[in-house]
C-alpha atoms as a PDB file:
ATOM      1  CA  MET A   1      64.630 -51.536 -62.317  1.00  0.00           C
ATOM      2  CA  ALA A   2      65.746 -52.178 -58.744  1.00  0.00           C
ATOM      3  CA  GLY A   3      62.919 -52.626 -56.213  1.00  0.00           C
ATOM      4  CA  ARG A   4      62.441 -50.035 -53.445  1.00  0.00           C
ATOM      5  CA  THR A   5      63.115 -50.904 -49.879  1.00  0.00           C
ATOM      6  CA  THR A   6      60.115 -50.208 -47.724  1.00  0.00           C
ATOM      7  CA  ALA A   7      60.259 -48.485 -44.366  1.00  0.00           C
ATOM      8  CA  ALA A   8      59.095 -51.676 -42.669  1.00  0.00           C
ATOM      9  CA  GLY A   9      61.953 -53.576 -44.281  1.00  0.00           C
ATOM     10  CA  ARG A  10      64.448 -51.023 -42.909  1.00  0.00           C
ATOM     11  CA  GLY A  11      63.262 -51.483 -39.328  1.00  0.00           C
ATOM     12  CA  GLY A  12      61.049 -48.379 -39.348  1.00  0.00           C
ATOM     13  CA  THR A  13      57.343 -48.116 -39.177  1.00  0.00           C
ATOM     14  CA  PRO A  14      55.081 -48.012 -42.190  1.00  0.00           C
ATOM     15  CA  GLY A  15      54.817 -44.460 -43.395  1.00  0.00           C
ATOM     16  CA  GLY A  16      57.437 -43.373 -40.807  1.00  0.00           C
ATOM     17  CA  PRO A  17      60.925 -41.982 -41.292  1.00  0.00           C
ATOM     18  CA  GLY A  18      63.625 -43.961 -42.943  1.00  0.00           C
ATOM     19  CA  GLU A  19      66.291 -46.222 -41.445  1.00  0.00           C
ATOM     20  CA  GLY A  20      68.157 -44.657 -38.563  1.00  0.00           C
ATOM     21  CA  SER A  21      65.572 -41.963 -38.107  1.00  0.00           C
ATOM     22  CA  GLY A  22      64.900 -42.937 -34.427  1.00  0.00           C
ATOM     23  CA  PRO A  23      65.201 -45.674 -31.827  1.00  0.00           C
ATOM     24  CA  LEU A  24      62.490 -48.065 -30.762  1.00  0.00           C
ATOM     25  CA  PRO A  25      59.972 -46.811 -28.156  1.00  0.00           C
ATOM     26  CA  ALA A  26      61.559 -48.817 -25.247  1.00  0.00           C
ATOM     27  CA  VAL A  27      65.000 -47.458 -25.993  1.00  0.00           C
ATOM     28  CA  ARG A  28      63.643 -43.909 -26.095  1.00  0.00           C
ATOM     29  CA  ARG A  29      62.097 -44.333 -22.609  1.00  0.00           C
ATOM     30  CA  VAL A  30      65.411 -45.509 -21.146  1.00  0.00           C
ATOM     31  CA  ARG A  31      67.220 -42.569 -22.670  1.00  0.00           C
ATOM     32  CA  ARG A  32      64.728 -40.120 -21.213  1.00  0.00           C
ATOM     33  CA  LEU A  33      65.370 -41.509 -17.727  1.00  0.00           C
ATOM     34  CA  LEU A  34      69.113 -41.104 -18.188  1.00  0.00           C
ATOM     35  CA  ARG A  35      69.029 -37.547 -19.480  1.00  0.00           C
ATOM     36  CA  PRO A  36      70.625 -34.935 -17.206  1.00  0.00           C
ATOM     37  CA  ASP A  37      67.325 -33.083 -16.987  1.00  0.00           C
ATOM     38  CA  GLY A  38      65.343 -36.251 -16.144  1.00  0.00           C
ATOM     39  CA  PRO A  39      63.591 -37.054 -12.829  1.00  0.00           C
ATOM     40  CA  GLY A  40      66.524 -39.119 -11.451  1.00  0.00           C
ATOM     41  CA  ARG A  41      69.133 -36.383 -11.448  1.00  0.00           C
ATOM     42  CA  PRO A  42      71.071 -35.629  -8.179  1.00  0.00           C
ATOM     43  CA  GLU A  43      69.348 -32.281  -7.672  1.00  0.00           C
ATOM     44  CA  ASP A  44      65.965 -33.985  -7.477  1.00  0.00           C
ATOM     45  CA  ARG A  45      67.216 -36.600  -5.009  1.00  0.00           C
ATOM     46  CA  ALA A  46      68.682 -33.881  -2.785  1.00  0.00           C
ATOM     47  CA  ARG A  47      65.386 -32.004  -2.832  1.00  0.00           C
ATOM     48  CA  ARG A  48      63.548 -35.138  -1.775  1.00  0.00           C
ATOM     49  CA  ARG A  49      65.941 -35.720   1.172  1.00  0.00           C
ATOM     50  CA  LEU A  50      65.784 -32.135   2.417  1.00  0.00           C
ATOM     51  CA  PRO A  51      62.438 -32.443   4.273  1.00  0.00           C
ATOM     52  CA  LEU A  52      63.725 -35.573   6.070  1.00  0.00           C
ATOM     53  CA  VAL A  53      66.906 -33.802   7.157  1.00  0.00           C
ATOM     54  CA  LEU A  54      64.909 -30.797   8.342  1.00  0.00           C
ATOM     55  CA  ALA A  55      62.587 -33.076  10.324  1.00  0.00           C
ATOM     56  CA  LEU A  56      65.474 -34.936  12.014  1.00  0.00           C
ATOM     57  CA  ALA A  57      67.586 -31.882  12.786  1.00  0.00           C
ATOM     58  CA  PRO A  58      65.654 -30.800  15.931  1.00  0.00           C
ATOM     59  CA  ALA A  59      65.755 -34.356  17.327  1.00  0.00           C
ATOM     60  CA  LEU A  60      69.501 -34.599  16.704  1.00  0.00           C
ATOM     61  CA  LEU A  61      70.117 -31.222  18.318  1.00  0.00           C
ATOM     62  CA  LEU A  62      67.932 -32.117  21.291  1.00  0.00           C
ATOM     63  CA  GLY A  63      69.668 -35.470  21.719  1.00  0.00           C
ATOM     64  CA  GLY A  64      73.083 -33.858  21.591  1.00  0.00           C
ATOM     65  CA  PHE A  65      72.035 -31.235  24.127  1.00  0.00           C
ATOM     66  CA  ALA A  66      70.663 -33.920  26.457  1.00  0.00           C
ATOM     67  CA  LEU A  67      73.936 -35.875  26.306  1.00  0.00           C
ATOM     68  CA  TRP A  68      75.873 -32.736  27.080  1.00  0.00           C
ATOM     69  CA  VAL A  69      73.617 -31.935  30.041  1.00  0.00           C
ATOM     70  CA  LEU A  70      73.976 -35.477  31.438  1.00  0.00           C
ATOM     71  CA  TYR A  71      77.688 -35.976  30.897  1.00  0.00           C
ATOM     72  CA  GLY A  72      79.373 -32.701  30.036  1.00  0.00           C
ATOM     73  CA  SER A  73      77.688 -29.981  32.052  1.00  0.00           C
ATOM     74  CA  ALA A  74      78.124 -29.144  35.728  1.00  0.00           C
ATOM     75  CA  TRP A  75      74.365 -29.253  36.362  1.00  0.00           C
ATOM     76  CA  LEU A  76      73.775 -32.958  37.137  1.00  0.00           C
ATOM     77  CA  ARG A  77      76.805 -34.034  39.140  1.00  0.00           C
ATOM     78  CA  VAL A  78      77.092 -35.929  42.422  1.00  0.00           C
ATOM     79  CA  GLU A  79      77.254 -33.416  45.253  1.00  0.00           C
ATOM     80  CA  ALA A  80      75.828 -35.353  48.225  1.00  0.00           C
ATOM     81  CA  VAL A  81      75.321 -38.947  49.420  1.00  0.00           C
ATOM     82  CA  ALA A  82      72.595 -39.627  51.997  1.00  0.00           C
ATOM     83  CA  VAL A  83      72.983 -42.735  54.188  1.00  0.00           C
ATOM     84  CA  THR A  84      70.149 -44.340  56.164  1.00  0.00           C
ATOM     85  CA  GLY A  85      69.744 -47.556  58.178  1.00  0.00           C
ATOM     86  CA  GLU A  86      73.125 -47.596  59.905  1.00  0.00           C
ATOM     87  CA  GLU A  87      73.038 -48.593  63.584  1.00  0.00           C
ATOM     88  CA  VAL A  88      76.329 -50.122  64.675  1.00  0.00           C
ATOM     89  CA  LEU A  89      78.092 -48.936  61.553  1.00  0.00           C
ATOM     90  CA  THR A  90      78.881 -45.250  61.171  1.00  0.00           C
ATOM     91  CA  GLU A  91      77.951 -43.083  58.224  1.00  0.00           C
ATOM     92  CA  ARG A  92      81.638 -42.643  57.463  1.00  0.00           C
ATOM     93  CA  GLN A  93      82.185 -46.417  57.264  1.00  0.00           C
ATOM     94  CA  VAL A  94      79.277 -46.781  54.849  1.00  0.00           C
ATOM     95  CA  LEU A  95      80.456 -43.898  52.662  1.00  0.00           C
ATOM     96  CA  ARG A  96      83.989 -45.254  52.528  1.00  0.00           C
ATOM     97  CA  ALA A  97      82.772 -48.708  51.480  1.00  0.00           C
ATOM     98  CA  ALA A  98      80.223 -47.343  48.980  1.00  0.00           C
ATOM     99  CA  GLU A  99      82.891 -45.290  47.198  1.00  0.00           C
ATOM    100  CA  VAL A 100      80.398 -43.108  45.325  1.00  0.00           C
ATOM    101  CA  PRO A 101      82.375 -40.892  42.878  1.00  0.00           C
ATOM    102  CA  MET A 102      81.770 -37.348  44.064  1.00  0.00           C
ATOM    103  CA  GLY A 103      81.723 -34.678  41.369  1.00  0.00           C
ATOM    104  CA  GLU A 104      81.119 -37.189  38.589  1.00  0.00           C
ATOM    105  CA  PRO A 105      78.010 -37.112  36.349  1.00  0.00           C
ATOM    106  CA  LEU A 106      75.098 -38.538  38.306  1.00  0.00           C
ATOM    107  CA  VAL A 107      74.039 -40.665  35.339  1.00  0.00           C
ATOM    108  CA  SER A 108      77.403 -42.467  35.437  1.00  0.00           C
ATOM    109  CA  VAL A 109      76.801 -43.808  38.970  1.00  0.00           C
ATOM    110  CA  ASP A 110      76.014 -47.547  38.839  1.00  0.00           C
ATOM    111  CA  PRO A 111      73.701 -48.317  41.809  1.00  0.00           C
ATOM    112  CA  GLU A 112      74.227 -52.080  41.517  1.00  0.00           C
ATOM    113  CA  ALA A 113      78.005 -51.683  41.619  1.00  0.00           C
ATOM    114  CA  VAL A 114      77.725 -49.557  44.780  1.00  0.00           C
ATOM    115  CA  GLU A 115      75.488 -52.194  46.384  1.00  0.00           C
ATOM    116  CA  ARG A 116      78.014 -54.945  45.577  1.00  0.00           C
ATOM    117  CA  ARG A 117      80.827 -52.949  47.164  1.00  0.00           C
ATOM    118  CA  LEU A 118      78.808 -52.479  50.358  1.00  0.00           C
ATOM    119  CA  LEU A 119      77.982 -56.179  50.674  1.00  0.00           C
ATOM    120  CA  GLU A 120      81.535 -57.272  49.921  1.00  0.00           C
ATOM    121  CA  ARG A 121      83.293 -54.770  52.182  1.00  0.00           C
ATOM    122  CA  LEU A 122      80.905 -54.632  55.137  1.00  0.00           C
ATOM    123  CA  PRO A 123      79.934 -58.116  56.438  1.00  0.00           C
ATOM    124  CA  ARG A 124      77.541 -56.454  58.876  1.00  0.00           C
ATOM    125  CA  VAL A 125      75.404 -55.240  55.958  1.00  0.00           C
ATOM    126  CA  GLY A 126      72.814 -57.845  55.073  1.00  0.00           C
ATOM    127  CA  ALA A 127      71.091 -55.821  52.347  1.00  0.00           C
ATOM    128  CA  ALA A 128      71.703 -52.536  50.549  1.00  0.00           C
ATOM    129  CA  GLU A 129      69.659 -50.347  48.220  1.00  0.00           C
ATOM    130  CA  VAL A 130      71.228 -47.516  46.224  1.00  0.00           C
ATOM    131  CA  ALA A 131      69.371 -45.027  44.024  1.00  0.00           C
ATOM    132  CA  ARG A 132      70.135 -41.804  42.192  1.00  0.00           C
ATOM    133  CA  SER A 133      68.391 -38.754  43.639  1.00  0.00           C
ATOM    134  CA  TRP A 134      68.188 -36.140  40.905  1.00  0.00           C
ATOM    135  CA  PRO A 135      69.596 -33.636  40.366  1.00  0.00           C
ATOM    136  CA  HIS A 136      72.661 -33.933  42.628  1.00  0.00           C
ATOM    137  CA  GLY A 137      72.335 -36.796  45.125  1.00  0.00           C
ATOM    138  CA  VAL A 138      72.701 -40.510  45.746  1.00  0.00           C
ATOM    139  CA  GLU A 139      70.652 -42.334  48.403  1.00  0.00           C
ATOM    140  CA  VAL A 140      72.190 -45.321  50.196  1.00  0.00           C
ATOM    141  CA  ALA A 141      69.980 -47.459  52.481  1.00  0.00           C
ATOM    142  CA  VAL A 142      71.588 -50.328  54.402  1.00  0.00           C
ATOM    143  CA  THR A 143      70.064 -53.060  56.536  1.00  0.00           C
ATOM    144  CA  GLU A 144      72.389 -54.404  59.182  1.00  0.00           C
ATOM    145  CA  ARG A 145      72.386 -58.024  60.242  1.00  0.00           C
ATOM    146  CA  LYS A 146      70.953 -58.729  63.701  1.00  0.00           C
ATOM    147  CA  PRO A 147      72.669 -61.185  66.033  1.00  0.00           C
ATOM    148  CA  VAL A 148      70.564 -64.026  67.375  1.00  0.00           C
ATOM    149  CA  VAL A 149      73.518 -65.517  69.274  1.00  0.00           C
ATOM    150  CA  VAL A 150      77.076 -64.571  70.078  1.00  0.00           C
ATOM    151  CA  MET A 151      80.087 -66.849  70.441  1.00  0.00           C
ATOM    152  CA  VAL A 152      83.273 -66.296  72.387  1.00  0.00           C
ATOM    153  CA  GLN A 153      85.863 -65.459  69.759  1.00  0.00           C
ATOM    154  CA  ASN A 154      88.779 -64.537  71.966  1.00  0.00           C
ATOM    155  CA  ALA A 155      89.002 -65.490  75.642  1.00  0.00           C
ATOM    156  CA  PRO A 156      91.820 -65.139  78.157  1.00  0.00           C
ATOM    157  CA  ASP A 157      93.864 -68.285  78.659  1.00  0.00           C
ATOM    158  CA  GLY A 158      92.143 -70.892  80.791  1.00  0.00           C
ATOM    159  CA  GLU A 159      88.616 -69.538  80.370  1.00  0.00           C
ATOM    160  CA  GLY A 160      87.611 -71.450  77.269  1.00  0.00           C
ATOM    161  CA  GLY A 161      84.086 -70.934  76.011  1.00  0.00           C
ATOM    162  CA  GLY A 162      82.238 -70.792  79.296  1.00  0.00           C
ATOM    163  CA  SER A 163      79.136 -68.744  79.882  1.00  0.00           C
ATOM    164  CA  GLY A 164      80.698 -66.126  82.154  1.00  0.00           C
ATOM    165  CA  ASP A 165      80.502 -62.468  81.128  1.00  0.00           C
ATOM    166  CA  GLY A 166      82.671 -59.436  81.595  1.00  0.00           C
ATOM    167  CA  ALA A 167      86.058 -61.140  81.311  1.00  0.00           C
ATOM    168  CA  ARG A 168      88.760 -58.694  80.425  1.00  0.00           C
ATOM    169  CA  GLY A 169      90.106 -59.187  76.923  1.00  0.00           C
ATOM    170  CA  ARG A 170      87.147 -61.296  75.784  1.00  0.00           C
ATOM    171  CA  THR A 171      85.536 -60.583  72.426  1.00  0.00           C
ATOM    172  CA  TYR A 172      82.365 -61.997  70.909  1.00  0.00           C
ATOM    173  CA  ALA A 173      81.517 -63.019  67.363  1.00  0.00           C
ATOM    174  CA  GLU A 174      77.988 -62.066  66.323  1.00  0.00           C
ATOM    175  CA  VAL A 175      75.966 -64.655  64.387  1.00  0.00           C
ATOM    176  CA  ASP A 176      72.716 -63.875  62.566  1.00  0.00           C
ATOM    177  CA  GLU A 177      69.717 -66.106  61.910  1.00  0.00           C
ATOM    178  CA  GLU A 178      71.340 -67.452  58.745  1.00  0.00           C
ATOM    179  CA  GLY A 179      74.368 -68.635  60.687  1.00  0.00           C
ATOM    180  CA  VAL A 180      76.612 -65.897  59.249  1.00  0.00           C
ATOM    181  CA  ARG A 181      79.361 -64.633  61.534  1.00  0.00           C
ATOM    182  CA  PHE A 182      79.400 -60.970  60.606  1.00  0.00           C
ATOM    183  CA  GLY A 183      80.908 -58.886  63.398  1.00  0.00           C
ATOM    184  CA  THR A 184      83.020 -58.769  66.531  1.00  0.00           C
ATOM    185  CA  VAL A 185      82.107 -56.853  69.685  1.00  0.00           C
ATOM    186  CA  ALA A 186      83.866 -56.367  72.990  1.00  0.00           C
ATOM    187  CA  GLU A 187      80.650 -56.508  75.014  1.00  0.00           C
ATOM    188  CA  ARG A 188      77.906 -59.053  74.744  1.00  0.00           C
ATOM    189  CA  PRO A 189      74.732 -57.422  73.329  1.00  0.00           C
ATOM    190  CA  ALA A 190      71.816 -57.308  75.750  1.00  0.00           C
ATOM    191  CA  GLY A 191      69.199 -59.980  75.200  1.00  0.00           C
ATOM    192  CA  VAL A 192      71.393 -62.076  72.888  1.00  0.00           C
ATOM    193  CA  PRO A 193      72.196 -65.619  74.135  1.00  0.00           C
ATOM    194  CA  LEU A 194      75.728 -66.942  74.273  1.00  0.00           C
ATOM    195  CA  LEU A 195      76.178 -70.056  72.137  1.00  0.00           C
ATOM    196  CA  VAL A 196      78.562 -72.614  73.616  1.00  0.00           C
ATOM    197  CA  LEU A 197      79.517 -75.736  71.678  1.00  0.00           C
ATOM    198  CA  ASP A 198      80.649 -78.453  74.115  1.00  0.00           C
ATOM    199  CA  LEU A 199      81.489 -80.985  71.444  1.00  0.00           C
ATOM    200  CA  ASP A 200      84.705 -82.442  72.861  1.00  0.00           C
ATOM    201  CA  GLY A 201      84.362 -86.192  72.548  1.00  0.00           C
ATOM    202  CA  SER A 202      80.952 -85.906  70.893  1.00  0.00           C
ATOM    203  CA  PRO A 203      80.370 -88.002  67.744  1.00  0.00           C
ATOM    204  CA  SER A 204      78.425 -85.050  66.332  1.00  0.00           C
ATOM    205  CA  ARG A 205      81.647 -83.117  65.722  1.00  0.00           C
ATOM    206  CA  HIS A 206      82.832 -85.770  63.260  1.00  0.00           C
ATOM    207  CA  ARG A 207      79.460 -86.858  61.911  1.00  0.00           C
ATOM    208  CA  PHE A 208      77.957 -83.444  61.220  1.00  0.00           C
ATOM    209  CA  GLY A 209      80.817 -80.984  61.553  1.00  0.00           C
ATOM    210  CA  GLU A 210      80.980 -78.006  63.881  1.00  0.00           C
ATOM    211  CA  GLU A 211      79.588 -75.600  61.305  1.00  0.00           C
ATOM    212  CA  ARG A 212      76.408 -77.615  60.807  1.00  0.00           C
ATOM    213  CA  VAL A 213      75.918 -78.071  64.555  1.00  0.00           C
ATOM    214  CA  ARG A 214      76.292 -74.321  65.008  1.00  0.00           C
ATOM    215  CA  GLY A 215      73.721 -73.740  62.266  1.00  0.00           C
ATOM    216  CA  GLU A 216      71.237 -76.030  64.012  1.00  0.00           C
ATOM    217  CA  ALA A 217      71.734 -74.183  67.292  1.00  0.00           C
ATOM    218  CA  VAL A 218      71.121 -70.870  65.531  1.00  0.00           C
ATOM    219  CA  LYS A 219      67.782 -72.226  64.310  1.00  0.00           C
ATOM    220  CA  VAL A 220      66.837 -72.900  67.936  1.00  0.00           C
ATOM    221  CA  ALA A 221      67.745 -69.343  68.958  1.00  0.00           C
ATOM    222  CA  ALA A 222      65.817 -67.855  66.036  1.00  0.00           C
ATOM    223  CA  ALA A 223      62.691 -69.845  66.991  1.00  0.00           C
ATOM    224  CA  LEU A 224      62.616 -68.639  70.604  1.00  0.00           C
ATOM    225  CA  PRO A 225      59.863 -66.199  71.601  1.00  0.00           C
ATOM    226  CA  ASP A 226      61.288 -62.754  72.317  1.00  0.00           C
ATOM    227  CA  ALA A 227      60.596 -62.996  76.065  1.00  0.00           C
ATOM    228  CA  VAL A 228      62.356 -66.358  76.322  1.00  0.00           C
ATOM    229  CA  ARG A 229      65.320 -65.188  74.240  1.00  0.00           C
ATOM    230  CA  ARG A 230      65.828 -62.201  76.541  1.00  0.00           C
ATOM    231  CA  ASP A 231      65.917 -64.551  79.550  1.00  0.00           C
ATOM    232  CA  THR A 232      68.239 -67.047  77.874  1.00  0.00           C
ATOM    233  CA  ARG A 233      71.799 -66.628  79.060  1.00  0.00           C
ATOM    234  CA  THR A 234      73.380 -69.577  77.243  1.00  0.00           C
ATOM    235  CA  ILE A 235      72.477 -72.088  74.568  1.00  0.00           C
ATOM    236  CA  ARG A 236      74.679 -75.090  75.259  1.00  0.00           C
ATOM    237  CA  VAL A 237      75.124 -77.763  72.601  1.00  0.00           C
ATOM    238  CA  ARG A 238      76.675 -81.111  73.587  1.00  0.00           C
ATOM    239  CA  SER A 239      75.633 -82.987  70.463  1.00  0.00           C
ATOM    240  CA  HIS A 240      73.332 -82.722  67.476  1.00  0.00           C
ATOM    241  CA  ASP A 241      70.455 -84.036  69.640  1.00  0.00           C
ATOM    242  CA  SER A 242      71.364 -82.324  72.905  1.00  0.00           C
ATOM    243  CA  VAL A 243      70.590 -78.600  73.044  1.00  0.00           C
ATOM    244  CA  THR A 244      69.939 -77.016  76.428  1.00  0.00           C
ATOM    245  CA  LEU A 245      68.877 -73.467  77.265  1.00  0.00           C
ATOM    246  CA  GLU A 246      70.241 -71.936  80.474  1.00  0.00           C
ATOM    247  CA  LEU A 247      67.876 -69.176  81.619  1.00  0.00           C
ATOM    248  CA  THR A 248      68.117 -66.501  84.270  1.00  0.00           C
ATOM    249  CA  GLY A 249      67.329 -67.617  87.808  1.00  0.00           C
ATOM    250  CA  GLY A 250      69.063 -70.969  87.349  1.00  0.00           C
ATOM    251  CA  ARG A 251      66.273 -72.361  85.172  1.00  0.00           C
ATOM    252  CA  THR A 252      67.000 -74.757  82.296  1.00  0.00           C
ATOM    253  CA  VAL A 253      65.140 -75.936  79.219  1.00  0.00           C
ATOM    254  CA  VAL A 254      65.841 -79.315  77.640  1.00  0.00           C
ATOM    255  CA  TRP A 255      65.330 -78.693  73.930  1.00  0.00           C
ATOM    256  CA  GLY A 256      66.722 -81.801  72.294  1.00  0.00           C
ATOM    257  CA  SER A 257      67.531 -81.387  68.587  1.00  0.00           C
ATOM    258  CA  ALA A 258      66.714 -78.411  66.394  1.00  0.00           C
ATOM    259  CA  GLU A 259      63.976 -80.365  64.632  1.00  0.00           C
ATOM    260  CA  GLY A 260      60.482 -79.065  65.307  1.00  0.00           C
ATOM    261  CA  SER A 261      61.808 -75.881  66.927  1.00  0.00           C
ATOM    262  CA  ALA A 262      58.673 -73.890  66.098  1.00  0.00           C
ATOM    263  CA  ALA A 263      56.447 -76.430  67.874  1.00  0.00           C
ATOM    264  CA  LYS A 264      58.855 -76.614  70.807  1.00  0.00           C
ATOM    265  CA  ALA A 265      58.836 -72.821  71.142  1.00  0.00           C
ATOM    266  CA  ARG A 266      55.018 -72.776  71.301  1.00  0.00           C
ATOM    267  CA  SER A 267      55.003 -75.594  73.817  1.00  0.00           C
ATOM    268  CA  LEU A 268      57.592 -73.820  75.981  1.00  0.00           C
ATOM    269  CA  SER A 269      55.582 -70.599  76.057  1.00  0.00           C
ATOM    270  CA  LEU A 270      52.480 -72.431  77.297  1.00  0.00           C
ATOM    271  CA  LEU A 271      54.476 -74.494  79.766  1.00  0.00           C
ATOM    272  CA  MET A 272      56.164 -71.465  81.328  1.00  0.00           C
ATOM    273  CA  LYS A 273      52.791 -69.766  81.792  1.00  0.00           C
ATOM    274  CA  ALA A 274      51.301 -72.859  83.396  1.00  0.00           C
ATOM    275  CA  ALA A 275      54.311 -73.602  85.621  1.00  0.00           C
ATOM    276  CA  ALA A 276      56.073 -70.279  86.102  1.00  0.00           C
ATOM    277  CA  ASP A 277      57.926 -71.490  89.218  1.00  0.00           C
ATOM    278  CA  ALA A 278      59.411 -74.595  87.640  1.00  0.00           C
ATOM    279  CA  GLY A 279      63.175 -74.902  87.539  1.00  0.00           C
ATOM    280  CA  ARG A 280      63.409 -77.302  84.591  1.00  0.00           C
ATOM    281  CA  TYR A 281      61.349 -77.474  81.421  1.00  0.00           C
ATOM    282  CA  ASP A 282      61.544 -80.301  78.911  1.00  0.00           C
ATOM    283  CA  VAL A 283      60.159 -79.719  75.419  1.00  0.00           C
ATOM    284  CA  SER A 284      62.307 -82.252  73.578  1.00  0.00           C
ATOM    285  CA  VAL A 285      58.991 -83.941  72.732  1.00  0.00           C
ATOM    286  CA  PRO A 286      56.736 -80.918  72.158  1.00  0.00           C
ATOM    287  CA  THR A 287      53.522 -82.932  72.296  1.00  0.00           C
ATOM    288  CA  ALA A 288      54.436 -84.209  75.757  1.00  0.00           C
ATOM    289  CA  PRO A 289      56.233 -81.379  77.600  1.00  0.00           C
ATOM    290  CA  ALA A 290      57.244 -81.785  81.224  1.00  0.00           C
ATOM    291  CA  THR A 291      58.447 -79.690  84.157  1.00  0.00           C
ATOM    292  CA  SER A 292      60.306 -80.416  87.372  1.00  0.00           C
ATOM    293  CA  GLY A 293      61.751 -78.504  90.292  1.00  0.00           C
ATOM    294  CA  SER A 294      60.415 -75.325  91.741  1.00  0.00           C
END
């Protein structure tokens, strides 16, 4: 009589159904997850994403509206440009150089780009600040360079670079405290000394170069007290170590080199108070100033 095959021998469980009556427990769990009505079906995933979409929708709508207001609407567009700080320059010159795009969205205006255009196109501008002024304006503030000396740029034939004023056809180049030549004027500004470089035959022209000598002379002019600068008609430079101030009333100041200009300026102020009638002041050695003439 053939022996019976037990349920355990057929891969089932003792006392359970026969062979093929059901998969193992692990297999059954996998199948449940893959059933169409299981927890991973697309409908369930969509339901889980719905609250997130609903939460983000207002932010997306608000962001889109904000972009439209900034770039697409007519509400925030450039309608006016306010200019401040101009003195010699005119408002029209500043506006032309700034080239602010009128009628364009205000947010599209690049303040730094406008500032660069002003500095590149207007040498007289030493600094510029540009800012948006919501909802419709742009503010442009310029700071013009101030001349500390002027130089004869164009003189009638035969006049050279002398210290005379009022010559017909003469123009002056303005130089600021940094040695930058930034403008040309037909009349010499009041209270600004005339810088004359008498370097013909001077070794300083070849040793230092005219540009450096001019820069040293500018340092002297910038160090002068305001009262002395107003009285200074000419700063005459014959070499790197020979700078002389020609004042009103025929007075002169022997300055020497540009080194120690701050100390020399202090010494000159005291010396002029102590010897107001002197005709010649020497501060080339500021610790031992001297006067002569009367």
